Amino acid sequence: MQPHQQRVVDEKQELDDKITKLMAFIGGDIFKSLEHRDQELLGQQLGHMRSYSETLSLRIERF
């Protein structure tokens, strides 16, 4: 694997870890105490992160 390809793999692993942590946060009590708009924005952020992760997966498949 080329160095630039490994960086993509590493980036996806880091992103997936952040997705897991954000999902845990969204399922917790602190999230429920946030204002509705902040909850919406975090949900939107999670959606974008998932889309980005999927794009990285598609790129990795082409290596």
PDB file of N, CA and C in Angstrom:
ATOM      1  N   MET A   1       0.858  -1.182   0.000  1.00  0.00           N
ATOM      2  CA  MET A   1       0.000   0.000   0.000  1.00  0.00           C
ATOM      3  C   MET A   1       0.901   1.242   0.000  1.00  0.00           C
ATOM      4  N   GLN A   2       0.537   2.184  -0.810  1.00  0.00           N
ATOM      5  CA  GLN A   2       1.284   3.437  -0.913  1.00  0.00           C
ATOM      6  C   GLN A   2       1.025   4.308   0.321  1.00  0.00           C
ATOM      7  N   PRO A   3       1.970   5.180   0.652  1.00  0.00           N
ATOM      8  CA  PRO A   3       1.784   6.041   1.829  1.00  0.00           C
ATOM      9  C   PRO A   3       0.505   6.880   1.783  1.00  0.00           C
ATOM     10  N   HIS A   4       0.174   7.406   0.610  1.00  0.00           N
ATOM     11  CA  HIS A   4      -1.044   8.227   0.531  1.00  0.00           C
ATOM     12  C   HIS A   4      -2.297   7.374   0.728  1.00  0.00           C
ATOM     13  N   GLN A   5      -2.233   6.113   0.327  1.00  0.00           N
ATOM     14  CA  GLN A   5      -3.359   5.212   0.541  1.00  0.00           C
ATOM     15  C   GLN A   5      -3.493   4.872   2.026  1.00  0.00           C
ATOM     16  N   GLN A   6      -2.375   4.659   2.673  1.00  0.00           N
ATOM     17  CA  GLN A   6      -2.402   4.358   4.107  1.00  0.00           C
ATOM     18  C   GLN A   6      -2.976   5.526   4.893  1.00  0.00           C
ATOM     19  N   ARG A   7      -2.682   6.740   4.444  1.00  0.00           N
ATOM     20  CA  ARG A   7      -3.234   7.916   5.132  1.00  0.00           C
ATOM     21  C   ARG A   7      -4.761   7.923   5.042  1.00  0.00           C
ATOM     22  N   VAL A   8      -5.302   7.493   3.903  1.00  0.00           N
ATOM     23  CA  VAL A   8      -6.759   7.425   3.754  1.00  0.00           C
ATOM     24  C   VAL A   8      -7.331   6.369   4.696  1.00  0.00           C
ATOM     25  N   VAL A   9      -6.684   5.213   4.769  1.00  0.00           N
ATOM     26  CA  VAL A   9      -7.131   4.146   5.677  1.00  0.00           C
ATOM     27  C   VAL A   9      -7.093   4.637   7.122  1.00  0.00           C
ATOM     28  N   ASP A  10      -5.999   5.291   7.491  1.00  0.00           N
ATOM     29  CA  ASP A  10      -5.874   5.816   8.855  1.00  0.00           C
ATOM     30  C   ASP A  10      -6.938   6.869   9.139  1.00  0.00           C
ATOM     31  N   GLU A  11      -7.182   7.729   8.158  1.00  0.00           N
ATOM     32  CA  GLU A  11      -8.188   8.777   8.331  1.00  0.00           C
ATOM     33  C   GLU A  11      -9.568   8.170   8.557  1.00  0.00           C
ATOM     34  N   LYS A  12      -9.897   7.118   7.788  1.00  0.00           N
ATOM     35  CA  LYS A  12     -11.200   6.469   7.957  1.00  0.00           C
ATOM     36  C   LYS A  12     -11.312   5.829   9.338  1.00  0.00           C
ATOM     37  N   GLN A  13     -10.252   5.205   9.804  1.00  0.00           N
ATOM     38  CA  GLN A  13     -10.280   4.586  11.133  1.00  0.00           C
ATOM     39  C   GLN A  13     -10.502   5.637  12.216  1.00  0.00           C
ATOM     40  N   GLU A  14      -9.817   6.759  12.094  1.00  0.00           N
ATOM     41  CA  GLU A  14      -9.988   7.842  13.067  1.00  0.00           C
ATOM     42  C   GLU A  14     -11.402   8.415  13.000  1.00  0.00           C
ATOM     43  N   LEU A  15     -11.903   8.591  11.791  1.00  0.00           N
ATOM     44  CA  LEU A  15     -13.252   9.121  11.620  1.00  0.00           C
ATOM     45  C   LEU A  15     -14.287   8.166  12.199  1.00  0.00           C
ATOM     46  N   ASP A  16     -14.130   6.883  11.930  1.00  0.00           N
ATOM     47  CA  ASP A  16     -15.082   5.901  12.459  1.00  0.00           C
ATOM     48  C   ASP A  16     -15.067   5.874  13.986  1.00  0.00           C
ATOM     49  N   ASP A  17     -13.901   6.086  14.579  1.00  0.00           N
ATOM     50  CA  ASP A  17     -13.811   6.174  16.039  1.00  0.00           C
ATOM     51  C   ASP A  17     -14.588   7.393  16.539  1.00  0.00           C
ATOM     52  N   LYS A  18     -14.456   8.505  15.852  1.00  0.00           N
ATOM     53  CA  LYS A  18     -15.188   9.717  16.232  1.00  0.00           C
ATOM     54  C   LYS A  18     -16.693   9.526  16.053  1.00  0.00           C
ATOM     55  N   ILE A  19     -17.084   8.806  15.007  1.00  0.00           N
ATOM     56  CA  ILE A  19     -18.504   8.516  14.783  1.00  0.00           C
ATOM     57  C   ILE A  19     -19.050   7.695  15.950  1.00  0.00           C
ATOM     58  N   THR A  20     -18.309   6.678  16.351  1.00  0.00           N
ATOM     59  CA  THR A  20     -18.732   5.836  17.472  1.00  0.00           C
ATOM     60  C   THR A  20     -18.897   6.657  18.745  1.00  0.00           C
ATOM     61  N   LYS A  21     -17.942   7.541  19.001  1.00  0.00           N
ATOM     62  CA  LYS A  21     -18.009   8.378  20.201  1.00  0.00           C
ATOM     63  C   LYS A  21     -19.176   9.360  20.139  1.00  0.00           C
ATOM     64  N   LEU A  22     -19.417   9.938  18.977  1.00  0.00           N
ATOM     65  CA  LEU A  22     -20.539  10.870  18.847  1.00  0.00           C
ATOM     66  C   LEU A  22     -21.863  10.135  19.015  1.00  0.00           C
ATOM     67  N   MET A  23     -21.969   8.937  18.460  1.00  0.00           N
ATOM     68  CA  MET A  23     -23.196   8.156  18.628  1.00  0.00           C
ATOM     69  C   MET A  23     -23.441   7.848  20.102  1.00  0.00           C
ATOM     70  N   ALA A  24     -22.386   7.525  20.833  1.00  0.00           N
ATOM     71  CA  ALA A  24     -22.526   7.266  22.271  1.00  0.00           C
ATOM     72  C   ALA A  24     -22.976   8.527  22.990  1.00  0.00           C
ATOM     73  N   PHE A  25     -22.415   9.662  22.614  1.00  0.00           N
ATOM     74  CA  PHE A  25     -22.805  10.930  23.228  1.00  0.00           C
ATOM     75  C   PHE A  25     -24.274  11.231  22.948  1.00  0.00           C
ATOM     76  N   ILE A  26     -24.697  11.020  21.713  1.00  0.00           N
ATOM     77  CA  ILE A  26     -26.086  11.286  21.338  1.00  0.00           C
ATOM     78  C   ILE A  26     -27.040  10.390  22.126  1.00  0.00           C
ATOM     79  N   GLY A  27     -26.589   9.214  22.488  1.00  0.00           N
ATOM     80  CA  GLY A  27     -27.424   8.306  23.270  1.00  0.00           C
ATOM     81  C   GLY A  27     -27.401   8.571  24.765  1.00  0.00           C
ATOM     82  N   GLY A  28     -26.644   9.568  25.192  1.00  0.00           N
ATOM     83  CA  GLY A  28     -26.481   9.816  26.623  1.00  0.00           C
ATOM     84  C   GLY A  28     -27.339  10.936  27.167  1.00  0.00           C
ATOM     85  N   ASP A  29     -27.239  11.128  28.459  1.00  0.00           N
ATOM     86  CA  ASP A  29     -28.060  12.107  29.170  1.00  0.00           C
ATOM     87  C   ASP A  29     -27.675  13.551  28.872  1.00  0.00           C
ATOM     88  N   ILE A  30     -26.392  13.821  28.687  1.00  0.00           N
ATOM     89  CA  ILE A  30     -25.981  15.202  28.408  1.00  0.00           C
ATOM     90  C   ILE A  30     -26.620  15.688  27.114  1.00  0.00           C
ATOM     91  N   PHE A  31     -26.635  14.828  26.102  1.00  0.00           N
ATOM     92  CA  PHE A  31     -27.250  15.193  24.827  1.00  0.00           C
ATOM     93  C   PHE A  31     -28.710  15.594  25.024  1.00  0.00           C
ATOM     94  N   LYS A  32     -29.419  14.831  25.836  1.00  0.00           N
ATOM     95  CA  LYS A  32     -30.841  15.098  26.076  1.00  0.00           C
ATOM     96  C   LYS A  32     -31.062  16.437  26.762  1.00  0.00           C
ATOM     97  N   SER A  33     -30.041  16.923  27.456  1.00  0.00           N
ATOM     98  CA  SER A  33     -30.178  18.196  28.164  1.00  0.00           C
ATOM     99  C   SER A  33     -29.843  19.400  27.278  1.00  0.00           C
ATOM    100  N   LEU A  34     -29.336  19.148  26.085  1.00  0.00           N
ATOM    101  CA  LEU A  34     -28.979  20.243  25.178  1.00  0.00           C
ATOM    102  C   LEU A  34     -30.224  20.863  24.560  1.00  0.00           C
ATOM    103  N   GLU A  35     -30.089  22.099  24.129  1.00  0.00           N
ATOM    104  CA  GLU A  35     -31.183  22.742  23.407  1.00  0.00           C
ATOM    105  C   GLU A  35     -31.455  21.960  22.124  1.00  0.00           C
ATOM    106  N   HIS A  36     -32.706  22.010  21.693  1.00  0.00           N
ATOM    107  CA  HIS A  36     -33.130  21.243  20.525  1.00  0.00           C
ATOM    108  C   HIS A  36     -32.274  21.543  19.299  1.00  0.00           C
ATOM    109  N   ARG A  37     -31.959  22.805  19.080  1.00  0.00           N
ATOM    110  CA  ARG A  37     -31.165  23.176  17.899  1.00  0.00           C
ATOM    111  C   ARG A  37     -29.777  22.546  17.952  1.00  0.00           C
ATOM    112  N   ASP A  38     -29.181  22.507  19.125  1.00  0.00           N
ATOM    113  CA  ASP A  38     -27.869  21.872  19.257  1.00  0.00           C
ATOM    114  C   ASP A  38     -27.958  20.371  18.986  1.00  0.00           C
ATOM    115  N   GLN A  39     -29.043  19.749  19.424  1.00  0.00           N
ATOM    116  CA  GLN A  39     -29.253  18.335  19.123  1.00  0.00           C
ATOM    117  C   GLN A  39     -29.373  18.127  17.615  1.00  0.00           C
ATOM    118  N   GLU A  40     -30.110  19.004  16.956  1.00  0.00           N
ATOM    119  CA  GLU A  40     -30.253  18.912  15.498  1.00  0.00           C
ATOM    120  C   GLU A  40     -28.902  19.028  14.805  1.00  0.00           C
ATOM    121  N   LEU A  41     -28.110  19.988  15.245  1.00  0.00           N
ATOM    122  CA  LEU A  41     -26.809  20.210  14.611  1.00  0.00           C
ATOM    123  C   LEU A  41     -25.870  19.026  14.815  1.00  0.00           C
ATOM    124  N   LEU A  42     -25.896  18.431  15.990  1.00  0.00           N
ATOM    125  CA  LEU A  42     -25.068  17.249  16.225  1.00  0.00           C
ATOM    126  C   LEU A  42     -25.534  16.071  15.369  1.00  0.00           C
ATOM    127  N   GLY A  43     -26.834  15.937  15.207  1.00  0.00           N
ATOM    128  CA  GLY A  43     -27.360  14.898  14.328  1.00  0.00           C
ATOM    129  C   GLY A  43     -26.942  15.131  12.886  1.00  0.00           C
ATOM    130  N   GLN A  44     -26.973  16.378  12.470  1.00  0.00           N
ATOM    131  CA  GLN A  44     -26.538  16.731  11.117  1.00  0.00           C
ATOM    132  C   GLN A  44     -25.046  16.427  10.950  1.00  0.00           C
ATOM    133  N   GLN A  45     -24.272  16.780  11.953  1.00  0.00           N
ATOM    134  CA  GLN A  45     -22.833  16.504  11.922  1.00  0.00           C
ATOM    135  C   GLN A  45     -22.582  15.007  11.774  1.00  0.00           C
ATOM    136  N   LEU A  46     -23.317  14.200  12.532  1.00  0.00           N
ATOM    137  CA  LEU A  46     -23.164  12.753  12.455  1.00  0.00           C
ATOM    138  C   LEU A  46     -23.470  12.254  11.045  1.00  0.00           C
ATOM    139  N   GLY A  47     -24.513  12.786  10.443  1.00  0.00           N
ATOM    140  CA  GLY A  47     -24.858  12.384   9.083  1.00  0.00           C
ATOM    141  C   GLY A  47     -23.751  12.698   8.091  1.00  0.00           C
ATOM    142  N   HIS A  48     -23.167  13.871   8.219  1.00  0.00           N
ATOM    143  CA  HIS A  48     -22.066  14.249   7.328  1.00  0.00           C
ATOM    144  C   HIS A  48     -20.839  13.370   7.563  1.00  0.00           C
ATOM    145  N   MET A  49     -20.583  13.070   8.816  1.00  0.00           N
ATOM    146  CA  MET A  49     -19.440  12.208   9.135  1.00  0.00           C
ATOM    147  C   MET A  49     -19.637  10.814   8.538  1.00  0.00           C
ATOM    148  N   ARG A  50     -20.851  10.299   8.606  1.00  0.00           N
ATOM    149  CA  ARG A  50     -21.135   8.980   8.026  1.00  0.00           C
ATOM    150  C   ARG A  50     -20.966   9.005   6.512  1.00  0.00           C
ATOM    151  N   SER A  51     -21.434  10.072   5.880  1.00  0.00           N
ATOM    152  CA  SER A  51     -21.275  10.204   4.427  1.00  0.00           C
ATOM    153  C   SER A  51     -19.801  10.244   4.045  1.00  0.00           C
ATOM    154  N   TYR A  52     -19.029  10.998   4.797  1.00  0.00           N
ATOM    155  CA  TYR A  52     -17.595  11.101   4.548  1.00  0.00           C
ATOM    156  C   TYR A  52     -16.917   9.742   4.723  1.00  0.00           C
ATOM    157  N   SER A  53     -17.314   9.011   5.756  1.00  0.00           N
ATOM    158  CA  SER A  53     -16.760   7.687   5.992  1.00  0.00           C
ATOM    159  C   SER A  53     -17.080   6.755   4.827  1.00  0.00           C
ATOM    160  N   GLU A  54     -18.289   6.830   4.319  1.00  0.00           N
ATOM    161  CA  GLU A  54     -18.678   5.998   3.175  1.00  0.00           C
ATOM    162  C   GLU A  54     -17.850   6.358   1.943  1.00  0.00           C
ATOM    163  N   THR A  55     -17.612   7.636   1.731  1.00  0.00           N
ATOM    164  CA  THR A  55     -16.783   8.066   0.607  1.00  0.00           C
ATOM    165  C   THR A  55     -15.366   7.521   0.750  1.00  0.00           C
ATOM    166  N   LEU A  56     -14.825   7.582   1.955  1.00  0.00           N
ATOM    167  CA  LEU A  56     -13.495   7.021   2.179  1.00  0.00           C
ATOM    168  C   LEU A  56     -13.492   5.515   1.920  1.00  0.00           C
ATOM    169  N   SER A  57     -14.552   4.820   2.309  1.00  0.00           N
ATOM    170  CA  SER A  57     -14.654   3.377   2.048  1.00  0.00           C
ATOM    171  C   SER A  57     -14.617   3.091   0.555  1.00  0.00           C
ATOM    172  N   LEU A  58     -15.348   3.886  -0.205  1.00  0.00           N
ATOM    173  CA  LEU A  58     -15.372   3.703  -1.658  1.00  0.00           C
ATOM    174  C   LEU A  58     -13.995   3.949  -2.266  1.00  0.00           C
ATOM    175  N   ARG A  59     -13.297   4.929  -1.753  1.00  0.00           N
ATOM    176  CA  ARG A  59     -11.936   5.188  -2.236  1.00  0.00           C
ATOM    177  C   ARG A  59     -11.014   4.026  -1.895  1.00  0.00           C
ATOM    178  N   ILE A  60     -11.127   3.513  -0.668  1.00  0.00           N
ATOM    179  CA  ILE A  60     -10.268   2.416  -0.224  1.00  0.00           C
ATOM    180  C   ILE A  60     -10.511   1.166  -1.072  1.00  0.00           C
ATOM    181  N   GLU A  61     -11.756   0.919  -1.443  1.00  0.00           N
ATOM    182  CA  GLU A  61     -12.077  -0.237  -2.284  1.00  0.00           C
ATOM    183  C   GLU A  61     -11.334  -0.186  -3.615  1.00  0.00           C
ATOM    184  N   ARG A  62     -10.996   1.000  -4.066  1.00  0.00           N
ATOM    185  CA  ARG A  62     -10.336   1.161  -5.362  1.00  0.00           C
ATOM    186  C   ARG A  62      -8.814   1.032  -5.284  1.00  0.00           C
ATOM    187  N   PHE A  63      -8.275   0.857  -4.101  1.00  0.00           N
ATOM    188  CA  PHE A  63      -6.818   0.718  -3.964  1.00  0.00           C
ATOM    189  C   PHE A  63      -6.376  -0.636  -4.476  1.00  0.00           C
TER     190      PHE A  63
END
